[in-house]
PDB file of all heavy atoms in Angstrom:
ATOM      1  N   ALA A   1       0.820  11.721   6.871  1.00  0.00           N
ATOM      2  CA  ALA A   1      -0.323  11.971   6.001  1.00  0.00           C
ATOM      3  C   ALA A   1      -0.791  13.391   6.089  1.00  0.00           C
ATOM      4  O   ALA A   1      -0.976  13.885   7.235  1.00  0.00           O
ATOM      5  CB  ALA A   1      -1.435  10.987   6.381  1.00  0.00           C
ATOM      6  N   ARG A   2      -0.881  14.036   4.970  1.00  0.00           N
ATOM      7  CA  ARG A   2      -1.344  15.486   4.984  1.00  0.00           C
ATOM      8  C   ARG A   2      -2.771  15.624   4.544  1.00  0.00           C
ATOM      9  O   ARG A   2      -3.284  16.750   4.384  1.00  0.00           O
ATOM     10  CB  ARG A   2      -0.407  16.289   4.063  1.00  0.00           C
ATOM     11  CG  ARG A   2       0.979  16.405   4.671  1.00  0.00           C
ATOM     12  CD  ARG A   2       1.962  17.003   3.682  1.00  0.00           C
ATOM     13  NE  ARG A   2       3.270  17.238   4.325  1.00  0.00           N
ATOM     14  CZ  ARG A   2       4.189  16.273   4.541  1.00  0.00           C
ATOM     15  NH1 ARG A   2       3.933  15.078   4.125  1.00  0.00           N
ATOM     16  NH2 ARG A   2       5.321  16.576   5.126  1.00  0.00           N
ATOM     17  N   SER A   3      -3.465  14.486   4.328  1.00  0.00           N
ATOM     18  CA  SER A   3      -4.855  14.568   3.945  1.00  0.00           C
ATOM     19  C   SER A   3      -5.493  13.209   4.323  1.00  0.00           C
ATOM     20  O   SER A   3      -4.811  12.204   4.505  1.00  0.00           O
ATOM     21  CB  SER A   3      -5.013  14.759   2.404  1.00  0.00           C
ATOM     22  OG  SER A   3      -4.538  13.660   1.724  1.00  0.00           O
ATOM     23  N   GLU A   4      -6.854  13.235   4.362  1.00  0.00           N
ATOM     24  CA  GLU A   4      -7.529  11.927   4.619  1.00  0.00           C
ATOM     25  C   GLU A   4      -7.236  10.935   3.461  1.00  0.00           C
ATOM     26  O   GLU A   4      -7.116   9.752   3.743  1.00  0.00           O
ATOM     27  CB  GLU A   4      -9.062  12.209   4.706  1.00  0.00           C
ATOM     28  CG  GLU A   4      -9.421  12.895   5.974  1.00  0.00           C
ATOM     29  CD  GLU A   4     -10.957  13.069   6.078  1.00  0.00           C
ATOM     30  OE1 GLU A   4     -11.680  12.139   6.320  1.00  0.00           O
ATOM     31  OE2 GLU A   4     -11.428  14.237   5.843  1.00  0.00           O
ATOM     32  N   GLN A   5      -7.122  11.396   2.267  1.00  0.00           N
ATOM     33  CA  GLN A   5      -6.806  10.505   1.161  1.00  0.00           C
ATOM     34  C   GLN A   5      -5.460   9.819   1.375  1.00  0.00           C
ATOM     35  O   GLN A   5      -5.335   8.624   1.151  1.00  0.00           O
ATOM     36  CB  GLN A   5      -6.761  11.306  -0.148  1.00  0.00           C
ATOM     37  CG  GLN A   5      -6.493  10.467  -1.389  1.00  0.00           C
ATOM     38  CD  GLN A   5      -6.460  11.293  -2.689  1.00  0.00           C
ATOM     39  OE1 GLN A   5      -6.514  12.505  -2.640  1.00  0.00           O
ATOM     40  NE2 GLN A   5      -6.393  10.624  -3.791  1.00  0.00           N
ATOM     41  N   GLU A   6      -4.400  10.549   1.804  1.00  0.00           N
ATOM     42  CA  GLU A   6      -3.145   9.958   2.018  1.00  0.00           C
ATOM     43  C   GLU A   6      -3.217   8.960   3.212  1.00  0.00           C
ATOM     44  O   GLU A   6      -2.586   7.916   3.164  1.00  0.00           O
ATOM     45  CB  GLU A   6      -2.078  11.033   2.341  1.00  0.00           C
ATOM     46  CG  GLU A   6      -1.680  11.831   1.138  1.00  0.00           C
ATOM     47  CD  GLU A   6      -0.562  12.813   1.416  1.00  0.00           C
ATOM     48  OE1 GLU A   6      -0.092  12.883   2.558  1.00  0.00           O
ATOM     49  OE2 GLU A   6      -0.117  13.522   0.487  1.00  0.00           O
ATOM     50  N   LEU A   7      -3.935   9.290   4.230  1.00  0.00           N
ATOM     51  CA  LEU A   7      -4.065   8.359   5.360  1.00  0.00           C
ATOM     52  C   LEU A   7      -4.773   7.129   4.939  1.00  0.00           C
ATOM     53  O   LEU A   7      -4.373   5.985   5.336  1.00  0.00           O
ATOM     54  CB  LEU A   7      -4.826   9.055   6.548  1.00  0.00           C
ATOM     55  CG  LEU A   7      -5.038   8.214   7.781  1.00  0.00           C
ATOM     56  CD1 LEU A   7      -3.710   7.637   8.300  1.00  0.00           C
ATOM     57  CD2 LEU A   7      -5.725   9.070   8.851  1.00  0.00           C
ATOM     58  N   ARG A   8      -5.833   7.225   4.188  1.00  0.00           N
ATOM     59  CA  ARG A   8      -6.562   6.070   3.686  1.00  0.00           C
ATOM     60  C   ARG A   8      -5.660   5.193   2.819  1.00  0.00           C
ATOM     61  O   ARG A   8      -5.737   3.957   2.897  1.00  0.00           O
ATOM     62  CB  ARG A   8      -7.822   6.460   2.865  1.00  0.00           C
ATOM     63  CG  ARG A   8      -8.953   7.026   3.691  1.00  0.00           C
ATOM     64  CD  ARG A   8     -10.145   7.336   2.822  1.00  0.00           C
ATOM     65  NE  ARG A   8     -11.121   8.124   3.523  1.00  0.00           N
ATOM     66  CZ  ARG A   8     -12.029   7.613   4.388  1.00  0.00           C
ATOM     67  NH1 ARG A   8     -12.028   6.268   4.572  1.00  0.00           N
ATOM     68  NH2 ARG A   8     -12.874   8.368   5.006  1.00  0.00           N
ATOM     69  N   ALA A   9      -4.782   5.748   2.040  1.00  0.00           N
ATOM     70  CA  ALA A   9      -3.889   4.972   1.191  1.00  0.00           C
ATOM     71  C   ALA A   9      -2.980   4.114   2.064  1.00  0.00           C
ATOM     72  O   ALA A   9      -2.696   2.945   1.700  1.00  0.00           O
ATOM     73  CB  ALA A   9      -3.033   5.909   0.336  1.00  0.00           C
ATOM     74  N   SER A  10      -2.488   4.658   3.186  1.00  0.00           N
ATOM     75  CA  SER A  10      -1.675   3.824   4.109  1.00  0.00           C
ATOM     76  C   SER A  10      -2.500   2.805   4.822  1.00  0.00           C
ATOM     77  O   SER A  10      -2.084   1.659   4.951  1.00  0.00           O
ATOM     78  CB  SER A  10      -1.012   4.733   5.085  1.00  0.00           C
ATOM     79  OG  SER A  10      -0.071   5.617   4.453  1.00  0.00           O
ATOM     80  N   LEU A  11      -3.692   3.163   5.295  1.00  0.00           N
ATOM     81  CA  LEU A  11      -4.535   2.214   6.003  1.00  0.00           C
ATOM     82  C   LEU A  11      -4.988   1.093   5.126  1.00  0.00           C
ATOM     83  O   LEU A  11      -5.212  -0.035   5.564  1.00  0.00           O
ATOM     84  CB  LEU A  11      -5.716   2.925   6.591  1.00  0.00           C
ATOM     85  CG  LEU A  11      -5.457   3.968   7.684  1.00  0.00           C
ATOM     86  CD1 LEU A  11      -6.658   4.777   7.998  1.00  0.00           C
ATOM     87  CD2 LEU A  11      -4.918   3.266   8.945  1.00  0.00           C
ATOM     88  N   ASP A  12      -5.129   1.322   3.804  1.00  0.00           N
ATOM     89  CA  ASP A  12      -5.563   0.296   2.879  1.00  0.00           C
ATOM     90  C   ASP A  12      -4.566  -0.802   2.714  1.00  0.00           C
ATOM     91  O   ASP A  12      -4.798  -1.853   2.074  1.00  0.00           O
ATOM     92  CB  ASP A  12      -5.927   0.919   1.524  1.00  0.00           C
ATOM     93  CG  ASP A  12      -7.205   1.695   1.524  1.00  0.00           C
ATOM     94  OD1 ASP A  12      -7.978   1.528   2.496  1.00  0.00           O
ATOM     95  OD2 ASP A  12      -7.492   2.437   0.596  1.00  0.00           O
ATOM     96  N   TYR A  13      -3.365  -0.624   3.249  1.00  0.00           N
ATOM     97  CA  TYR A  13      -2.374  -1.696   3.245  1.00  0.00           C
ATOM     98  C   TYR A  13      -2.948  -2.960   3.934  1.00  0.00           C
ATOM     99  O   TYR A  13      -2.696  -4.077   3.474  1.00  0.00           O
ATOM    100  CB  TYR A  13      -1.116  -1.297   3.977  1.00  0.00           C
ATOM    101  CG  TYR A  13      -0.173  -2.421   4.233  1.00  0.00           C
ATOM    102  CD1 TYR A  13       0.709  -2.866   3.270  1.00  0.00           C
ATOM    103  CD2 TYR A  13      -0.180  -3.119   5.492  1.00  0.00           C
ATOM    104  CE1 TYR A  13       1.573  -3.968   3.548  1.00  0.00           C
ATOM    105  CE2 TYR A  13       0.685  -4.173   5.765  1.00  0.00           C
ATOM    106  CZ  TYR A  13       1.522  -4.608   4.728  1.00  0.00           C
ATOM    107  OH  TYR A  13       2.370  -5.707   4.990  1.00  0.00           O
ATOM    108  N   GLU A  14      -3.763  -2.741   4.945  1.00  0.00           N
ATOM    109  CA  GLU A  14      -4.280  -3.869   5.725  1.00  0.00           C
ATOM    110  C   GLU A  14      -5.239  -4.788   4.908  1.00  0.00           C
ATOM    111  O   GLU A  14      -5.387  -5.897   5.261  1.00  0.00           O
ATOM    112  CB  GLU A  14      -5.042  -3.340   6.943  1.00  0.00           C
ATOM    113  CG  GLU A  14      -4.145  -2.693   7.969  1.00  0.00           C
ATOM    114  CD  GLU A  14      -3.077  -3.598   8.561  1.00  0.00           C
ATOM    115  OE1 GLU A  14      -3.457  -4.669   8.985  1.00  0.00           O
ATOM    116  OE2 GLU A  14      -1.895  -3.267   8.535  1.00  0.00           O
ATOM    117  N   THR A  15      -5.794  -4.248   3.871  1.00  0.00           N
ATOM    118  CA  THR A  15      -6.703  -5.031   3.026  1.00  0.00           C
ATOM    119  C   THR A  15      -6.108  -5.354   1.636  1.00  0.00           C
ATOM    120  O   THR A  15      -6.783  -5.875   0.777  1.00  0.00           O
ATOM    121  CB  THR A  15      -8.079  -4.353   2.859  1.00  0.00           C
ATOM    122  OG1 THR A  15      -7.912  -3.019   2.377  1.00  0.00           O
ATOM    123  CG2 THR A  15      -8.812  -4.228   4.203  1.00  0.00           C
ATOM    124  N   ALA A  16      -4.893  -4.906   1.478  1.00  0.00           N
ATOM    125  CA  ALA A  16      -4.232  -5.108   0.120  1.00  0.00           C
ATOM    126  C   ALA A  16      -3.931  -6.640  -0.080  1.00  0.00           C
ATOM    127  O   ALA A  16      -3.707  -7.335   0.836  1.00  0.00           O
ATOM    128  CB  ALA A  16      -2.897  -4.320   0.057  1.00  0.00           C
ATOM    129  N   SER A  17      -3.944  -7.047  -1.328  1.00  0.00           N
ATOM    130  CA  SER A  17      -3.650  -8.442  -1.653  1.00  0.00           C
ATOM    131  C   SER A  17      -2.139  -8.693  -1.576  1.00  0.00           C
ATOM    132  O   SER A  17      -1.339  -7.745  -1.592  1.00  0.00           O
ATOM    133  CB  SER A  17      -4.154  -8.685  -3.106  1.00  0.00           C
ATOM    134  OG  SER A  17      -3.317  -8.043  -4.073  1.00  0.00           O
ATOM    135  N   PRO A  18      -1.754  -9.928  -1.494  1.00  0.00           N
ATOM    136  CA  PRO A  18      -0.310 -10.254  -1.536  1.00  0.00           C
ATOM    137  C   PRO A  18       0.371  -9.676  -2.774  1.00  0.00           C
ATOM    138  O   PRO A  18       1.521  -9.214  -2.655  1.00  0.00           O
ATOM    139  CB  PRO A  18      -0.279 -11.789  -1.524  1.00  0.00           C
ATOM    140  CG  PRO A  18      -1.567 -12.195  -0.838  1.00  0.00           C
ATOM    141  CD  PRO A  18      -2.570 -11.167  -1.249  1.00  0.00           C
ATOM    142  N   ASP A  19      -0.300  -9.680  -3.869  1.00  0.00           N
ATOM    143  CA  ASP A  19       0.336  -9.155  -5.086  1.00  0.00           C
ATOM    144  C   ASP A  19       0.563  -7.588  -5.014  1.00  0.00           C
ATOM    145  O   ASP A  19       1.522  -7.064  -5.467  1.00  0.00           O
ATOM    146  CB  ASP A  19      -0.567  -9.427  -6.342  1.00  0.00           C
ATOM    147  CG  ASP A  19      -0.419 -10.904  -6.792  1.00  0.00           C
ATOM    148  OD1 ASP A  19       0.520 -11.578  -6.340  1.00  0.00           O
ATOM    149  OD2 ASP A  19      -1.263 -11.304  -7.556  1.00  0.00           O
ATOM    150  N   GLN A  20      -0.444  -6.915  -4.326  1.00  0.00           N
ATOM    151  CA  GLN A  20      -0.252  -5.478  -4.216  1.00  0.00           C
ATOM    152  C   GLN A  20       0.870  -5.172  -3.206  1.00  0.00           C
ATOM    153  O   GLN A  20       1.541  -4.151  -3.369  1.00  0.00           O
ATOM    154  CB  GLN A  20      -1.580  -4.903  -3.684  1.00  0.00           C
ATOM    155  CG  GLN A  20      -2.718  -4.893  -4.747  1.00  0.00           C
ATOM    156  CD  GLN A  20      -4.021  -4.435  -4.134  1.00  0.00           C
ATOM    157  OE1 GLN A  20      -4.454  -4.953  -3.052  1.00  0.00           O
ATOM    158  NE2 GLN A  20      -4.677  -3.489  -4.771  1.00  0.00           N
ATOM    159  N   ARG A  21       1.042  -6.004  -2.223  1.00  0.00           N
ATOM    160  CA  ARG A  21       2.123  -5.770  -1.244  1.00  0.00           C
ATOM    161  C   ARG A  21       3.470  -6.131  -1.781  1.00  0.00           C
ATOM    162  O   ARG A  21       4.502  -5.670  -1.258  1.00  0.00           O
ATOM    163  CB  ARG A  21       1.855  -6.557   0.080  1.00  0.00           C
ATOM    164  CG  ARG A  21       0.591  -6.132   0.781  1.00  0.00           C
ATOM    165  CD  ARG A  21       0.410  -6.990   2.040  1.00  0.00           C
ATOM    166  NE  ARG A  21      -0.739  -6.569   2.839  1.00  0.00           N
ATOM    167  CZ  ARG A  21      -1.029  -7.038   4.029  1.00  0.00           C
ATOM    168  NH1 ARG A  21      -0.222  -7.947   4.581  1.00  0.00           N
ATOM    169  NH2 ARG A  21      -2.036  -6.607   4.712  1.00  0.00           N
ATOM    170  N   ASP A  22       3.525  -7.054  -2.670  1.00  0.00           N
ATOM    171  CA  ASP A  22       4.798  -7.672  -3.084  1.00  0.00           C
ATOM    172  C   ASP A  22       5.732  -6.600  -3.696  1.00  0.00           C
ATOM    173  O   ASP A  22       5.371  -5.913  -4.640  1.00  0.00           O
ATOM    174  CB  ASP A  22       4.504  -8.741  -4.150  1.00  0.00           C
ATOM    175  CG  ASP A  22       5.748  -9.393  -4.685  1.00  0.00           C
ATOM    176  OD1 ASP A  22       6.759  -9.535  -3.929  1.00  0.00           O
ATOM    177  OD2 ASP A  22       5.803  -9.814  -5.845  1.00  0.00           O
ATOM    178  N   TYR A  23       6.911  -6.543  -3.110  1.00  0.00           N
ATOM    179  CA  TYR A  23       7.905  -5.594  -3.584  1.00  0.00           C
ATOM    180  C   TYR A  23       9.046  -6.274  -4.325  1.00  0.00           C
ATOM    181  O   TYR A  23       9.835  -5.606  -5.050  1.00  0.00           O
ATOM    182  CB  TYR A  23       8.545  -4.772  -2.437  1.00  0.00           C
ATOM    183  CG  TYR A  23       9.053  -5.669  -1.314  1.00  0.00           C
ATOM    184  CD1 TYR A  23      10.283  -6.351  -1.396  1.00  0.00           C
ATOM    185  CD2 TYR A  23       8.348  -5.783  -0.104  1.00  0.00           C
ATOM    186  CE1 TYR A  23      10.738  -7.137  -0.395  1.00  0.00           C
ATOM    187  CE2 TYR A  23       8.847  -6.584   0.929  1.00  0.00           C
ATOM    188  CZ  TYR A  23      10.000  -7.268   0.802  1.00  0.00           C
ATOM    189  OH  TYR A  23      10.498  -8.071   1.826  1.00  0.00           O
ATOM    190  N   ALA A  24       9.129  -7.577  -4.295  1.00  0.00           N
ATOM    191  CA  ALA A  24      10.295  -8.276  -4.879  1.00  0.00           C
ATOM    192  C   ALA A  24      10.407  -8.078  -6.350  1.00  0.00           C
ATOM    193  O   ALA A  24      11.480  -7.801  -6.889  1.00  0.00           O
ATOM    194  CB  ALA A  24      10.168  -9.775  -4.524  1.00  0.00           C
ATOM    195  N   ALA A  25       9.291  -8.246  -7.064  1.00  0.00           N
ATOM    196  CA  ALA A  25       9.360  -8.128  -8.526  1.00  0.00           C
ATOM    197  C   ALA A  25       9.850  -6.715  -8.915  1.00  0.00           C
ATOM    198  O   ALA A  25      10.628  -6.570  -9.896  1.00  0.00           O
ATOM    199  CB  ALA A  25       8.039  -8.408  -9.137  1.00  0.00           C
ATOM    200  N   ALA A  26       9.334  -5.689  -8.236  1.00  0.00           N
ATOM    201  CA  ALA A  26       9.750  -4.317  -8.544  1.00  0.00           C
ATOM    202  C   ALA A  26      11.240  -4.102  -8.221  1.00  0.00           C
ATOM    203  O   ALA A  26      11.998  -3.500  -8.986  1.00  0.00           O
ATOM    204  CB  ALA A  26       8.907  -3.325  -7.772  1.00  0.00           C
ATOM    205  N   PHE A  27      11.664  -4.595  -7.048  1.00  0.00           N
ATOM    206  CA  PHE A  27      13.032  -4.419  -6.674  1.00  0.00           C
ATOM    207  C   PHE A  27      14.002  -5.045  -7.633  1.00  0.00           C
ATOM    208  O   PHE A  27      15.103  -4.529  -7.928  1.00  0.00           O
ATOM    209  CB  PHE A  27      13.278  -5.001  -5.253  1.00  0.00           C
ATOM    210  CG  PHE A  27      12.686  -4.218  -4.162  1.00  0.00           C
ATOM    211  CD1 PHE A  27      11.801  -3.187  -4.363  1.00  0.00           C
ATOM    212  CD2 PHE A  27      13.067  -4.500  -2.821  1.00  0.00           C
ATOM    213  CE1 PHE A  27      11.272  -2.426  -3.342  1.00  0.00           C
ATOM    214  CE2 PHE A  27      12.549  -3.740  -1.769  1.00  0.00           C
ATOM    215  CZ  PHE A  27      11.655  -2.709  -1.991  1.00  0.00           C
ATOM    216  N   ALA A  28      13.615  -6.173  -8.147  1.00  0.00           N
ATOM    217  CA  ALA A  28      14.492  -6.942  -9.044  1.00  0.00           C
ATOM    218  C   ALA A  28      14.715  -6.229 -10.387  1.00  0.00           C
ATOM    219  O   ALA A  28      15.647  -6.531 -11.120  1.00  0.00           O
ATOM    220  CB  ALA A  28      13.922  -8.304  -9.304  1.00  0.00           C
TER     221      ALA A  28
END
């Protein structure tokens, strides 16, 4: 992370919904 904004984006993974985390639909 090169900024607080980038770090927050990664930390927000912890509160992301299952749909936001889901990579399967994109990968397919």
